């Protein structure tokens, strides 16, 4: 079982999501907390060689830095194109290294 925490900026972004996206992210996060990596690539995908992962909840992407059984949400975006923006990946990597 995983524990998911958020940096303050990520928490604020989640609070301001519309109800549909907020509910979808909550369900996906809860599924990940209960089942871990067993949920498969539909919901979670490794982004870098380090400990940076992407939790996928519809068009919302939550970047997680995972260590042991704790995952910290370091960055969140609303995806608008097929590829993840490189600037967002770099920002998430920097925040992950600061933890």
PDB file of N, CA and C in Angstrom:
ATOM      1  N   UNK A   1       0.849  -1.189   0.000  1.00  0.00           N
ATOM      2  CA  UNK A   1       0.000   0.000   0.000  1.00  0.00           C
ATOM      3  C   UNK A   1       0.890   1.247   0.000  1.00  0.00           C
ATOM      4  N   UNK A   2       0.557   2.178  -0.866  1.00  0.00           N
ATOM      5  CA  UNK A   2       1.343   3.404  -1.012  1.00  0.00           C
ATOM      6  C   UNK A   2       0.680   4.570  -0.286  1.00  0.00           C
ATOM      7  N   UNK A   3       1.506   5.493   0.129  1.00  0.00           N
ATOM      8  CA  UNK A   3       1.032   6.747   0.710  1.00  0.00           C
ATOM      9  C   UNK A   3       1.377   7.852  -0.278  1.00  0.00           C
ATOM     10  N   UNK A   4       0.384   8.660  -0.657  1.00  0.00           N
ATOM     11  CA  UNK A   4       0.609   9.732  -1.623  1.00  0.00           C
ATOM     12  C   UNK A   4       0.492  11.084  -0.923  1.00  0.00           C
ATOM     13  N   UNK A   5       1.553  11.878  -1.031  1.00  0.00           N
ATOM     14  CA  UNK A   5       1.599  13.229  -0.465  1.00  0.00           C
ATOM     15  C   UNK A   5       1.761  14.217  -1.616  1.00  0.00           C
ATOM     16  N   UNK A   6       1.493  15.489  -1.356  1.00  0.00           N
ATOM     17  CA  UNK A   6       1.629  16.508  -2.397  1.00  0.00           C
ATOM     18  C   UNK A   6       2.438  17.691  -1.897  1.00  0.00           C
ATOM     19  N   UNK A   7       3.205  18.302  -2.803  1.00  0.00           N
ATOM     20  CA  UNK A   7       3.813  19.593  -2.497  1.00  0.00           C
ATOM     21  C   UNK A   7       2.694  20.633  -2.455  1.00  0.00           C
ATOM     22  N   UNK A   8       2.890  21.757  -1.736  1.00  0.00           N
ATOM     23  CA  UNK A   8       1.817  22.756  -1.596  1.00  0.00           C
ATOM     24  C   UNK A   8       1.226  23.261  -2.916  1.00  0.00           C
ATOM     25  N   UNK A   9       2.041  23.514  -3.915  1.00  0.00           N
ATOM     26  CA  UNK A   9       1.541  24.008  -5.201  1.00  0.00           C
ATOM     27  C   UNK A   9       0.663  22.994  -5.903  1.00  0.00           C
ATOM     28  N   UNK A  10       1.003  21.723  -5.761  1.00  0.00           N
ATOM     29  CA  UNK A  10       0.221  20.647  -6.367  1.00  0.00           C
ATOM     30  C   UNK A  10      -1.135  20.542  -5.672  1.00  0.00           C
ATOM     31  N   UNK A  11      -1.140  20.638  -4.346  1.00  0.00           N
ATOM     32  CA  UNK A  11      -2.399  20.586  -3.592  1.00  0.00           C
ATOM     33  C   UNK A  11      -3.344  21.699  -4.028  1.00  0.00           C
ATOM     34  N   UNK A  12      -2.797  22.888  -4.191  1.00  0.00           N
ATOM     35  CA  UNK A  12      -3.612  24.043  -4.607  1.00  0.00           C
ATOM     36  C   UNK A  12      -4.196  23.812  -6.004  1.00  0.00           C
ATOM     37  N   UNK A  13      -3.408  23.278  -6.918  1.00  0.00           N
ATOM     38  CA  UNK A  13      -3.877  22.996  -8.275  1.00  0.00           C
ATOM     39  C   UNK A  13      -5.026  21.975  -8.236  1.00  0.00           C
ATOM     40  N   UNK A  14      -4.870  20.936  -7.418  1.00  0.00           N
ATOM     41  CA  UNK A  14      -5.901  19.898  -7.305  1.00  0.00           C
ATOM     42  C   UNK A  14      -7.200  20.474  -6.752  1.00  0.00           C
ATOM     43  N   UNK A  15      -7.094  21.357  -5.761  1.00  0.00           N
ATOM     44  CA  UNK A  15      -8.285  21.992  -5.185  1.00  0.00           C
ATOM     45  C   UNK A  15      -9.063  22.786  -6.227  1.00  0.00           C
ATOM     46  N   UNK A  16      -8.365  23.349  -7.208  1.00  0.00           N
ATOM     47  CA  UNK A  16      -9.001  24.193  -8.216  1.00  0.00           C
ATOM     48  C   UNK A  16      -9.458  23.439  -9.467  1.00  0.00           C
ATOM     49  N   UNK A  17      -9.283  22.112  -9.490  1.00  0.00           N
ATOM     50  CA  UNK A  17      -9.755  21.331 -10.633  1.00  0.00           C
ATOM     51  C   UNK A  17     -11.278  21.322 -10.690  1.00  0.00           C
ATOM     52  N   UNK A  18     -11.820  21.168 -11.893  1.00  0.00           N
ATOM     53  CA  UNK A  18     -13.276  21.047 -11.988  1.00  0.00           C
ATOM     54  C   UNK A  18     -13.693  19.719 -11.343  1.00  0.00           C
ATOM     55  N   UNK A  19     -14.946  19.591 -10.912  1.00  0.00           N
ATOM     56  CA  UNK A  19     -15.379  18.393 -10.172  1.00  0.00           C
ATOM     57  C   UNK A  19     -15.117  17.067 -10.891  1.00  0.00           C
ATOM     58  N   UNK A  20     -15.299  17.044 -12.201  1.00  0.00           N
ATOM     59  CA  UNK A  20     -15.100  15.800 -12.958  1.00  0.00           C
ATOM     60  C   UNK A  20     -13.634  15.364 -12.912  1.00  0.00           C
ATOM     61  N   UNK A  21     -12.704  16.290 -13.191  1.00  0.00           N
ATOM     62  CA  UNK A  21     -11.278  15.965 -13.165  1.00  0.00           C
ATOM     63  C   UNK A  21     -10.803  15.643 -11.750  1.00  0.00           C
ATOM     64  N   UNK A  22     -11.333  16.361 -10.779  1.00  0.00           N
ATOM     65  CA  UNK A  22     -10.973  16.126  -9.379  1.00  0.00           C
ATOM     66  C   UNK A  22     -11.376  14.712  -8.963  1.00  0.00           C
ATOM     67  N   UNK A  23     -12.584  14.308  -9.323  1.00  0.00           N
ATOM     68  CA  UNK A  23     -13.071  12.968  -8.977  1.00  0.00           C
ATOM     69  C   UNK A  23     -12.242  11.887  -9.670  1.00  0.00           C
ATOM     70  N   UNK A  24     -11.919  12.105 -10.936  1.00  0.00           N
ATOM     71  CA  UNK A  24     -11.129  11.121 -11.681  1.00  0.00           C
ATOM     72  C   UNK A  24      -9.737  10.973 -11.073  1.00  0.00           C
ATOM     73  N   UNK A  25      -9.111  12.094 -10.715  1.00  0.00           N
ATOM     74  CA  UNK A  25      -7.785  12.045 -10.098  1.00  0.00           C
ATOM     75  C   UNK A  25      -7.861  11.344  -8.740  1.00  0.00           C
ATOM     76  N   UNK A  26      -8.883  11.623  -7.974  1.00  0.00           N
ATOM     77  CA  UNK A  26      -9.040  10.983  -6.658  1.00  0.00           C
ATOM     78  C   UNK A  26      -9.190   9.468  -6.798  1.00  0.00           C
ATOM     79  N   UNK A  27     -10.007   9.030  -7.753  1.00  0.00           N
ATOM     80  CA  UNK A  27     -10.195   7.588  -7.968  1.00  0.00           C
ATOM     81  C   UNK A  27      -8.902   6.920  -8.417  1.00  0.00           C
ATOM     82  N   UNK A  28      -8.180   7.568  -9.326  1.00  0.00           N
ATOM     83  CA  UNK A  28      -6.932   7.006  -9.833  1.00  0.00           C
ATOM     84  C   UNK A  28      -5.887   6.945  -8.728  1.00  0.00           C
ATOM     85  N   UNK A  29      -5.800   8.010  -7.928  1.00  0.00           N
ATOM     86  CA  UNK A  29      -4.844   8.034  -6.809  1.00  0.00           C
ATOM     87  C   UNK A  29      -5.179   6.930  -5.805  1.00  0.00           C
ATOM     88  N   UNK A  30      -6.445   6.762  -5.503  1.00  0.00           N
ATOM     89  CA  UNK A  30      -6.860   5.739  -4.549  1.00  0.00           C
ATOM     90  C   UNK A  30      -6.543   4.329  -5.079  1.00  0.00           C
ATOM     91  N   UNK A  31      -6.775   4.123  -6.368  1.00  0.00           N
ATOM     92  CA  UNK A  31      -6.454   2.847  -6.998  1.00  0.00           C
ATOM     93  C   UNK A  31      -4.960   2.557  -6.883  1.00  0.00           C
ATOM     94  N   UNK A  32      -4.128   3.570  -7.147  1.00  0.00           N
ATOM     95  CA  UNK A  32      -2.681   3.413  -7.026  1.00  0.00           C
ATOM     96  C   UNK A  32      -2.278   3.145  -5.582  1.00  0.00           C
ATOM     97  N   UNK A  33      -2.894   3.840  -4.630  1.00  0.00           N
ATOM     98  CA  UNK A  33      -2.562   3.643  -3.221  1.00  0.00           C
ATOM     99  C   UNK A  33      -2.859   2.212  -2.790  1.00  0.00           C
ATOM    100  N   UNK A  34      -3.951   1.656  -3.273  1.00  0.00           N
ATOM    101  CA  UNK A  34      -4.363   0.313  -2.867  1.00  0.00           C
ATOM    102  C   UNK A  34      -3.582  -0.786  -3.578  1.00  0.00           C
ATOM    103  N   UNK A  35      -3.335  -0.611  -4.884  1.00  0.00           N
ATOM    104  CA  UNK A  35      -2.755  -1.690  -5.683  1.00  0.00           C
ATOM    105  C   UNK A  35      -1.310  -1.459  -6.107  1.00  0.00           C
ATOM    106  N   UNK A  36      -0.815  -0.253  -5.987  1.00  0.00           N
ATOM    107  CA  UNK A  36       0.557   0.032  -6.384  1.00  0.00           C
ATOM    108  C   UNK A  36       0.751  -0.054  -7.888  1.00  0.00           C
ATOM    109  N   UNK A  37       1.876  -0.607  -8.297  1.00  0.00           N
ATOM    110  CA  UNK A  37       2.225  -0.651  -9.718  1.00  0.00           C
ATOM    111  C   UNK A  37       1.430  -1.694 -10.500  1.00  0.00           C
ATOM    112  N   UNK A  38       0.654  -2.489  -9.821  1.00  0.00           N
ATOM    113  CA  UNK A  38      -0.167  -3.504 -10.474  1.00  0.00           C
ATOM    114  C   UNK A  38      -1.236  -2.867 -11.369  1.00  0.00           C
ATOM    115  N   UNK A  39      -1.553  -1.591 -11.151  1.00  0.00           N
ATOM    116  CA  UNK A  39      -2.600  -0.921 -11.936  1.00  0.00           C
ATOM    117  C   UNK A  39      -2.242  -0.841 -13.415  1.00  0.00           C
ATOM    118  N   UNK A  40      -0.971  -0.946 -13.766  1.00  0.00           N
ATOM    119  CA  UNK A  40      -0.548  -0.987 -15.162  1.00  0.00           C
ATOM    120  C   UNK A  40      -0.342   0.377 -15.791  1.00  0.00           C
ATOM    121  N   UNK A  41       0.121   0.356 -17.054  1.00  0.00           N
ATOM    122  CA  UNK A  41       0.489   1.586 -17.748  1.00  0.00           C
ATOM    123  C   UNK A  41      -0.683   2.469 -18.114  1.00  0.00           C
ATOM    124  N   UNK A  42      -1.882   1.972 -18.001  1.00  0.00           N
ATOM    125  CA  UNK A  42      -3.032   2.838 -18.252  1.00  0.00           C
ATOM    126  C   UNK A  42      -3.072   3.959 -17.212  1.00  0.00           C
ATOM    127  N   UNK A  43      -2.607   3.661 -16.006  1.00  0.00           N
ATOM    128  CA  UNK A  43      -2.684   4.629 -14.916  1.00  0.00           C
ATOM    129  C   UNK A  43      -1.346   5.177 -14.447  1.00  0.00           C
ATOM    130  N   UNK A  44      -0.282   4.423 -14.604  1.00  0.00           N
ATOM    131  CA  UNK A  44       1.017   4.902 -14.122  1.00  0.00           C
ATOM    132  C   UNK A  44       2.122   4.480 -15.089  1.00  0.00           C
ATOM    133  N   UNK A  45       3.062   5.393 -15.307  1.00  0.00           N
ATOM    134  CA  UNK A  45       4.142   5.125 -16.252  1.00  0.00           C
ATOM    135  C   UNK A  45       5.420   5.790 -15.755  1.00  0.00           C
ATOM    136  N   UNK A  46       6.527   5.085 -15.897  1.00  0.00           N
ATOM    137  CA  UNK A  46       7.824   5.634 -15.501  1.00  0.00           C
ATOM    138  C   UNK A  46       8.262   6.664 -16.532  1.00  0.00           C
ATOM    139  N   UNK A  47       8.725   7.818 -16.071  1.00  0.00           N
ATOM    140  CA  UNK A  47       9.109   8.913 -16.960  1.00  0.00           C
ATOM    141  C   UNK A  47      10.618   8.955 -17.173  1.00  0.00           C
ATOM    142  N   UNK A  48      11.379   8.840 -16.101  1.00  0.00           N
ATOM    143  CA  UNK A  48      12.838   8.923 -16.204  1.00  0.00           C
ATOM    144  C   UNK A  48      13.475   7.688 -15.579  1.00  0.00           C
ATOM    145  N   UNK A  49      14.786   7.574 -15.747  1.00  0.00           N
ATOM    146  CA  UNK A  49      15.507   6.446 -15.161  1.00  0.00           C
ATOM    147  C   UNK A  49      15.514   6.516 -13.641  1.00  0.00           C
ATOM    148  N   UNK A  50      15.320   7.700 -13.100  1.00  0.00           N
ATOM    149  CA  UNK A  50      15.306   7.885 -11.647  1.00  0.00           C
ATOM    150  C   UNK A  50      14.013   7.393 -11.027  1.00  0.00           C
ATOM    151  N   UNK A  51      13.447   8.178 -10.150  1.00  0.00           N
ATOM    152  CA  UNK A  51      12.249   7.762  -9.429  1.00  0.00           C
ATOM    153  C   UNK A  51      11.025   8.586  -9.833  1.00  0.00           C
ATOM    154  N   UNK A  52      11.037   9.169 -11.020  1.00  0.00           N
ATOM    155  CA  UNK A  52       9.928  10.014 -11.474  1.00  0.00           C
ATOM    156  C   UNK A  52       8.919   9.198 -12.280  1.00  0.00           C
ATOM    157  N   UNK A  53       7.668   9.249 -11.853  1.00  0.00           N
ATOM    158  CA  UNK A  53       6.571   8.525 -12.487  1.00  0.00           C
ATOM    159  C   UNK A  53       5.455   9.489 -12.843  1.00  0.00           C
ATOM    160  N   UNK A  54       4.598   9.063 -13.747  1.00  0.00           N
ATOM    161  CA  UNK A  54       3.447   9.867 -14.179  1.00  0.00           C
ATOM    162  C   UNK A  54       2.183   9.093 -13.829  1.00  0.00           C
ATOM    163  N   UNK A  55       1.317   9.686 -13.002  1.00  0.00           N
ATOM    164  CA  UNK A  55       0.011   9.109 -12.691  1.00  0.00           C
ATOM    165  C   UNK A  55      -0.989   9.710 -13.663  1.00  0.00           C
ATOM    166  N   UNK A  56      -1.664   8.875 -14.420  1.00  0.00           N
ATOM    167  CA  UNK A  56      -2.547   9.333 -15.490  1.00  0.00           C
ATOM    168  C   UNK A  56      -4.005   9.250 -15.061  1.00  0.00           C
ATOM    169  N   UNK A  57      -4.664  10.384 -15.042  1.00  0.00           N
ATOM    170  CA  UNK A  57      -6.081  10.447 -14.689  1.00  0.00           C
ATOM    171  C   UNK A  57      -6.795  11.264 -15.766  1.00  0.00           C
ATOM    172  N   UNK A  58      -7.154  10.602 -16.867  1.00  0.00           N
ATOM    173  CA  UNK A  58      -7.763  11.329 -17.982  1.00  0.00           C
ATOM    174  C   UNK A  58      -6.733  12.252 -18.595  1.00  0.00           C
ATOM    175  N   UNK A  59      -7.069  13.542 -18.666  1.00  0.00           N
ATOM    176  CA  UNK A  59      -6.126  14.512 -19.238  1.00  0.00           C
ATOM    177  C   UNK A  59      -5.201  15.124 -18.190  1.00  0.00           C
ATOM    178  N   UNK A  60      -5.396  14.774 -16.934  1.00  0.00           N
ATOM    179  CA  UNK A  60      -4.551  15.267 -15.842  1.00  0.00           C
ATOM    180  C   UNK A  60      -3.367  14.330 -15.660  1.00  0.00           C
ATOM    181  N   UNK A  61      -2.176  14.910 -15.538  1.00  0.00           N
ATOM    182  CA  UNK A  61      -0.955  14.140 -15.305  1.00  0.00           C
ATOM    183  C   UNK A  61      -0.303  14.631 -14.019  1.00  0.00           C
ATOM    184  N   UNK A  62      -0.176  13.723 -13.067  1.00  0.00           N
ATOM    185  CA  UNK A  62       0.447  14.021 -11.784  1.00  0.00           C
ATOM    186  C   UNK A  62       1.814  13.358 -11.771  1.00  0.00           C
ATOM    187  N   UNK A  63       2.864  14.168 -11.650  1.00  0.00           N
ATOM    188  CA  UNK A  63       4.225  13.647 -11.601  1.00  0.00           C
ATOM    189  C   UNK A  63       4.542  13.259 -10.163  1.00  0.00           C
ATOM    190  N   UNK A  64       4.922  11.997  -9.964  1.00  0.00           N
ATOM    191  CA  UNK A  64       5.216  11.478  -8.636  1.00  0.00           C
ATOM    192  C   UNK A  64       6.680  11.110  -8.510  1.00  0.00           C
ATOM    193  N   UNK A  65       7.248  11.452  -7.382  1.00  0.00           N
ATOM    194  CA  UNK A  65       8.590  11.007  -7.020  1.00  0.00           C
ATOM    195  C   UNK A  65       8.374   9.888  -5.998  1.00  0.00           C
ATOM    196  N   UNK A  66       8.743   8.677  -6.361  1.00  0.00           N
ATOM    197  CA  UNK A  66       8.434   7.517  -5.531  1.00  0.00           C
ATOM    198  C   UNK A  66       9.695   6.979  -4.875  1.00  0.00           C
ATOM    199  N   UNK A  67       9.592   6.818  -3.558  1.00  0.00           N
ATOM    200  CA  UNK A  67      10.685   6.256  -2.770  1.00  0.00           C
ATOM    201  C   UNK A  67      10.063   5.327  -1.734  1.00  0.00           C
ATOM    202  N   UNK A  68      10.378   4.046  -1.830  1.00  0.00           N
ATOM    203  CA  UNK A  68       9.784   3.072  -0.915  1.00  0.00           C
ATOM    204  C   UNK A  68       8.282   2.992  -1.136  1.00  0.00           C
ATOM    205  N   UNK A  69       7.526   3.158  -0.066  1.00  0.00           N
ATOM    206  CA  UNK A  69       6.061   3.131  -0.161  1.00  0.00           C
ATOM    207  C   UNK A  69       5.457   4.525  -0.103  1.00  0.00           C
ATOM    208  N   UNK A  70       6.268   5.540  -0.335  1.00  0.00           N
ATOM    209  CA  UNK A  70       5.783   6.919  -0.314  1.00  0.00           C
ATOM    210  C   UNK A  70       5.960   7.549  -1.692  1.00  0.00           C
ATOM    211  N   UNK A  71       4.888   8.167  -2.166  1.00  0.00           N
ATOM    212  CA  UNK A  71       4.920   8.886  -3.442  1.00  0.00           C
ATOM    213  C   UNK A  71       4.587  10.347  -3.153  1.00  0.00           C
ATOM    214  N   UNK A  72       5.400  11.250  -3.679  1.00  0.00           N
ATOM    215  CA  UNK A  72       5.182  12.680  -3.474  1.00  0.00           C
ATOM    216  C   UNK A  72       4.833  13.311  -4.815  1.00  0.00           C
ATOM    217  N   UNK A  73       3.671  13.951  -4.880  1.00  0.00           N
ATOM    218  CA  UNK A  73       3.267  14.671  -6.085  1.00  0.00           C
ATOM    219  C   UNK A  73       4.071  15.950  -6.181  1.00  0.00           C
ATOM    220  N   UNK A  74       4.985  16.017  -7.152  1.00  0.00           N
ATOM    221  CA  UNK A  74       5.883  17.166  -7.269  1.00  0.00           C
ATOM    222  C   UNK A  74       5.425  18.173  -8.323  1.00  0.00           C
ATOM    223  N   UNK A  75       4.575  17.737  -9.255  1.00  0.00           N
ATOM    224  CA  UNK A  75       4.109  18.633 -10.325  1.00  0.00           C
ATOM    225  C   UNK A  75       2.849  18.040 -10.932  1.00  0.00           C
ATOM    226  N   UNK A  76       1.983  18.897 -11.446  1.00  0.00           N
ATOM    227  CA  UNK A  76       0.740  18.426 -12.061  1.00  0.00           C
ATOM    228  C   UNK A  76       0.427  19.323 -13.262  1.00  0.00           C
ATOM    229  N   UNK A  77      -0.069  18.708 -14.325  1.00  0.00           N
ATOM    230  CA  UNK A  77      -0.433  19.467 -15.520  1.00  0.00           C
ATOM    231  C   UNK A  77      -1.722  18.904 -16.108  1.00  0.00           C
ATOM    232  N   UNK A  78      -2.318  19.715 -16.960  1.00  0.00           N
ATOM    233  CA  UNK A  78      -3.425  19.245 -17.776  1.00  0.00           C
ATOM    234  C   UNK A  78      -2.852  19.036 -19.173  1.00  0.00           C
ATOM    235  N   UNK A  79      -2.844  17.814 -19.627  1.00  0.00           N
ATOM    236  CA  UNK A  79      -2.205  17.476 -20.896  1.00  0.00           C
ATOM    237  C   UNK A  79      -3.046  17.967 -22.068  1.00  0.00           C
ATOM    238  N   UNK A  80      -2.390  18.640 -23.009  1.00  0.00           N
ATOM    239  CA  UNK A  80      -3.099  19.202 -24.161  1.00  0.00           C
ATOM    240  C   UNK A  80      -2.651  18.600 -25.479  1.00  0.00           C
ATOM    241  N   UNK A  81      -1.500  17.919 -25.477  1.00  0.00           N
ATOM    242  CA  UNK A  81      -1.010  17.294 -26.701  1.00  0.00           C
ATOM    243  C   UNK A  81      -0.592  15.863 -26.371  1.00  0.00           C
ATOM    244  N   UNK A  82      -0.194  15.131 -27.377  1.00  0.00           N
ATOM    245  CA  UNK A  82       0.135  13.728 -27.167  1.00  0.00           C
ATOM    246  C   UNK A  82       1.416  13.542 -26.352  1.00  0.00           C
ATOM    247  N   UNK A  83       2.406  14.391 -26.580  1.00  0.00           N
ATOM    248  CA  UNK A  83       3.670  14.278 -25.857  1.00  0.00           C
ATOM    249  C   UNK A  83       3.651  15.129 -24.595  1.00  0.00           C
ATOM    250  N   UNK A  84       4.357  14.645 -23.571  1.00  0.00           N
ATOM    251  CA  UNK A  84       4.521  15.449 -22.363  1.00  0.00           C
ATOM    252  C   UNK A  84       5.504  16.571 -22.646  1.00  0.00           C
ATOM    253  N   UNK A  85       5.187  17.796 -22.233  1.00  0.00           N
ATOM    254  CA  UNK A  85       6.127  18.909 -22.442  1.00  0.00           C
ATOM    255  C   UNK A  85       7.430  18.682 -21.672  1.00  0.00           C
ATOM    256  N   UNK A  86       8.553  18.845 -22.354  1.00  0.00           N
ATOM    257  CA  UNK A  86       9.862  18.622 -21.759  1.00  0.00           C
ATOM    258  C   UNK A  86      10.113  19.553 -20.577  1.00  0.00           C
ATOM    259  N   UNK A  87       9.617  20.800 -20.649  1.00  0.00           N
ATOM    260  CA  UNK A  87       9.839  21.741 -19.547  1.00  0.00           C
ATOM    261  C   UNK A  87       9.160  21.256 -18.263  1.00  0.00           C
ATOM    262  N   UNK A  88       8.007  20.599 -18.394  1.00  0.00           N
ATOM    263  CA  UNK A  88       7.322  20.069 -17.215  1.00  0.00           C
ATOM    264  C   UNK A  88       8.056  18.863 -16.635  1.00  0.00           C
ATOM    265  N   UNK A  89       8.608  18.028 -17.499  1.00  0.00           N
ATOM    266  CA  UNK A  89       9.394  16.881 -17.034  1.00  0.00           C
ATOM    267  C   UNK A  89      10.633  17.366 -16.287  1.00  0.00           C
ATOM    268  N   UNK A  90      11.328  18.366 -16.843  1.00  0.00           N
ATOM    269  CA  UNK A  90      12.536  18.908 -16.205  1.00  0.00           C
ATOM    270  C   UNK A  90      12.212  19.530 -14.845  1.00  0.00           C
ATOM    271  N   UNK A  91      11.081  20.265 -14.781  1.00  0.00           N
ATOM    272  CA  UNK A  91      10.666  20.870 -13.515  1.00  0.00           C
ATOM    273  C   UNK A  91      10.385  19.796 -12.477  1.00  0.00           C
ATOM    274  N   UNK A  92       9.680  18.756 -12.860  1.00  0.00           N
ATOM    275  CA  UNK A  92       9.368  17.653 -11.939  1.00  0.00           C
ATOM    276  C   UNK A  92      10.651  16.959 -11.479  1.00  0.00           C
ATOM    277  N   UNK A  93      11.600  16.766 -12.384  1.00  0.00           N
ATOM    278  CA  UNK A  93      12.874  16.144 -12.020  1.00  0.00           C
ATOM    279  C   UNK A  93      13.621  16.995 -10.998  1.00  0.00           C
ATOM    280  N   UNK A  94      13.652  18.313 -11.215  1.00  0.00           N
ATOM    281  CA  UNK A  94      14.342  19.210 -10.255  1.00  0.00           C
ATOM    282  C   UNK A  94      13.696  19.126  -8.883  1.00  0.00           C
ATOM    283  N   UNK A  95      12.374  19.147  -8.839  1.00  0.00           N
ATOM    284  CA  UNK A  95      11.679  19.082  -7.547  1.00  0.00           C
ATOM    285  C   UNK A  95      11.898  17.739  -6.885  1.00  0.00           C
ATOM    286  N   UNK A  96      11.976  16.696  -7.667  1.00  0.00           N
ATOM    287  CA  UNK A  96      12.211  15.352  -7.128  1.00  0.00           C
ATOM    288  C   UNK A  96      13.603  15.271  -6.482  1.00  0.00           C
ATOM    289  N   UNK A  97      14.579  15.870  -7.108  1.00  0.00           N
ATOM    290  CA  UNK A  97      15.955  15.851  -6.577  1.00  0.00           C
ATOM    291  C   UNK A  97      16.059  16.652  -5.283  1.00  0.00           C
ATOM    292  N   UNK A  98      15.187  17.661  -5.117  1.00  0.00           N
ATOM    293  CA  UNK A  98      15.225  18.493  -3.911  1.00  0.00           C
ATOM    294  C   UNK A  98      14.645  17.786  -2.691  1.00  0.00           C
ATOM    295  N   UNK A  99      13.897  16.721  -2.910  1.00  0.00           N
ATOM    296  CA  UNK A  99      13.286  16.007  -1.774  1.00  0.00           C
ATOM    297  C   UNK A  99      14.302  15.187  -1.008  1.00  0.00           C
TER     298      UNK A  99
END
